[in-house]
Amino acid sequence: MKKEKKKTNANSGGDIRWQSVFAWQHYVMTAVAVVLIVVGFVLMLPEADVRNRPGGRFAPTPGPGAFDARRISLAPIPCFVGFAMMPLVIMYVPRNRKRFDEMGKN
């Protein structure tokens, strides 16, 4: 009986190495999307409410800046853009990248 040789990638130097489906552009764009989401949530943070009562009870009505334009109109925009970028980042294929099905061929 002859032993069968395993097929290896010609670029790997004889051994099979792990190859990521994502390129470095994916990681950069994901980081940008996460930063946009964090910026949006930081813009939504409430101001320190001085109307809180001792004993851990809170004032029954929202503070004076709860419904201002920054929290209602401005903050959701970077959050929406960041969340909308995520599927686009996953589906993005760089132009210089080989097709996935051609990677294993010699």
Protein backbone atom coordinates (compact mmCIF):
# COMPACT_ATOMS: atom_id res chain seq x y z
CA MET A 1 0.00 0.00 0.00
CA LYS A 2 1.25 3.39 -0.92
CA LYS A 3 0.84 6.28 1.40
CA GLU A 4 -1.07 9.19 -0.06
CA LYS A 5 0.47 12.61 0.26
CA LYS A 6 -1.62 15.43 1.62
CA LYS A 7 -2.25 18.34 -0.68
CA THR A 8 -0.64 21.49 0.62
CA ASN A 9 -0.73 25.07 -0.44
CA ALA A 10 2.32 26.00 -2.52
CA ASN A 11 2.75 29.28 -0.66
CA SER A 12 2.70 27.73 2.78
CA GLY A 13 6.13 26.10 2.68
CA GLY A 14 4.88 22.50 2.91
CA ASP A 15 2.51 22.80 5.84
CA ILE A 16 -1.07 23.91 5.95
CA ARG A 17 -1.43 27.24 7.68
CA TRP A 18 -4.52 29.01 8.91
CA GLN A 19 -5.65 31.77 6.58
CA SER A 20 -8.18 34.39 7.62
CA VAL A 21 -11.11 35.18 5.38
CA PHE A 22 -10.93 38.80 6.49
CA ALA A 23 -8.27 41.23 5.30
CA TRP A 24 -6.77 44.03 7.38
CA GLN A 25 -9.29 46.45 5.83
CA HIS A 26 -12.09 44.55 7.54
CA TYR A 27 -10.54 45.07 10.95
CA VAL A 28 -9.94 48.78 10.35
CA MET A 29 -13.50 49.34 9.15
CA THR A 30 -14.87 47.34 12.09
CA ALA A 31 -12.87 49.52 14.49
CA VAL A 32 -14.27 52.66 12.83
CA ALA A 33 -17.81 51.32 13.16
CA VAL A 34 -17.30 50.47 16.84
CA VAL A 35 -15.84 53.93 17.52
CA LEU A 36 -18.88 55.54 15.86
CA ILE A 37 -21.23 53.46 18.01
CA VAL A 38 -19.36 54.36 21.20
CA VAL A 39 -19.33 58.08 20.26
CA GLY A 40 -23.09 57.94 19.71
CA PHE A 41 -23.70 56.31 23.08
CA VAL A 42 -21.41 58.79 24.84
CA LEU A 43 -23.37 61.65 23.27
CA MET A 44 -26.56 60.09 24.67
CA LEU A 45 -25.26 60.02 28.25
CA PRO A 46 -27.27 62.15 30.65
CA GLU A 47 -25.83 65.04 32.57
CA ALA A 48 -25.23 64.70 36.27
CA ASP A 49 -28.62 65.25 37.87
CA VAL A 50 -28.33 67.35 41.01
CA ARG A 51 -31.98 66.69 41.81
CA ASN A 52 -31.31 63.16 43.08
CA ARG A 53 -32.45 62.80 46.63
CA PRO A 54 -30.49 61.24 49.47
CA GLY A 55 -31.16 57.57 50.10
CA GLY A 56 -30.90 56.52 46.46
CA ARG A 57 -34.28 57.88 45.37
CA PHE A 58 -34.43 59.76 42.09
CA ALA A 59 -36.48 62.75 41.06
CA PRO A 60 -39.80 61.73 39.46
CA THR A 61 -39.31 63.83 36.31
CA PRO A 62 -36.37 63.81 33.86
CA GLY A 63 -33.63 66.41 34.20
CA PRO A 64 -33.51 69.71 32.33
CA GLY A 65 -31.34 68.41 29.47
CA ALA A 66 -33.01 65.03 28.88
CA PHE A 67 -34.77 66.02 25.67
CA ASP A 68 -32.30 68.42 24.09
CA ALA A 69 -31.25 68.23 20.44
CA ARG A 70 -27.93 66.51 21.15
CA ARG A 71 -29.54 63.46 22.74
CA ILE A 72 -32.58 63.23 20.47
CA SER A 73 -31.23 64.23 17.04
CA LEU A 74 -27.42 64.20 16.99
CA ALA A 75 -26.47 61.13 19.03
CA PRO A 76 -28.50 58.53 17.09
CA ILE A 77 -26.80 59.47 13.80
CA PRO A 78 -23.32 58.04 14.56
CA CYS A 79 -24.94 55.03 16.25
CA PHE A 80 -27.05 54.30 13.18
CA VAL A 81 -24.11 54.77 10.81
CA GLY A 82 -21.93 52.47 12.94
CA PHE A 83 -24.57 49.74 13.14
CA ALA A 84 -25.32 50.06 9.40
CA MET A 85 -21.59 49.73 8.58
CA MET A 86 -21.22 46.33 10.25
CA PRO A 87 -22.98 44.19 7.60
CA LEU A 88 -21.25 46.18 4.87
CA VAL A 89 -17.87 45.53 6.49
CA ILE A 90 -18.57 41.80 6.65
CA MET A 91 -19.62 41.64 2.99
CA TYR A 92 -16.78 43.86 1.72
CA VAL A 93 -14.30 42.15 -0.65
CA PRO A 94 -11.03 44.01 -1.33
CA ARG A 95 -10.11 44.28 -5.02
CA ASN A 96 -6.62 42.79 -4.62
CA ARG A 97 -7.87 39.78 -2.67
CA LYS A 98 -8.25 36.42 -4.43
CA ARG A 99 -11.65 34.83 -4.50
CA PHE A 100 -12.26 32.51 -1.56
CA ASP A 101 -12.70 29.42 -3.73
CA GLU A 102 -9.40 30.02 -5.53
CA MET A 103 -7.33 30.23 -2.34
CA GLY A 104 -6.86 26.49 -1.93
CA LYS A 105 -5.87 25.78 -5.53
CA ASN A 106 -2.20 25.49 -6.47
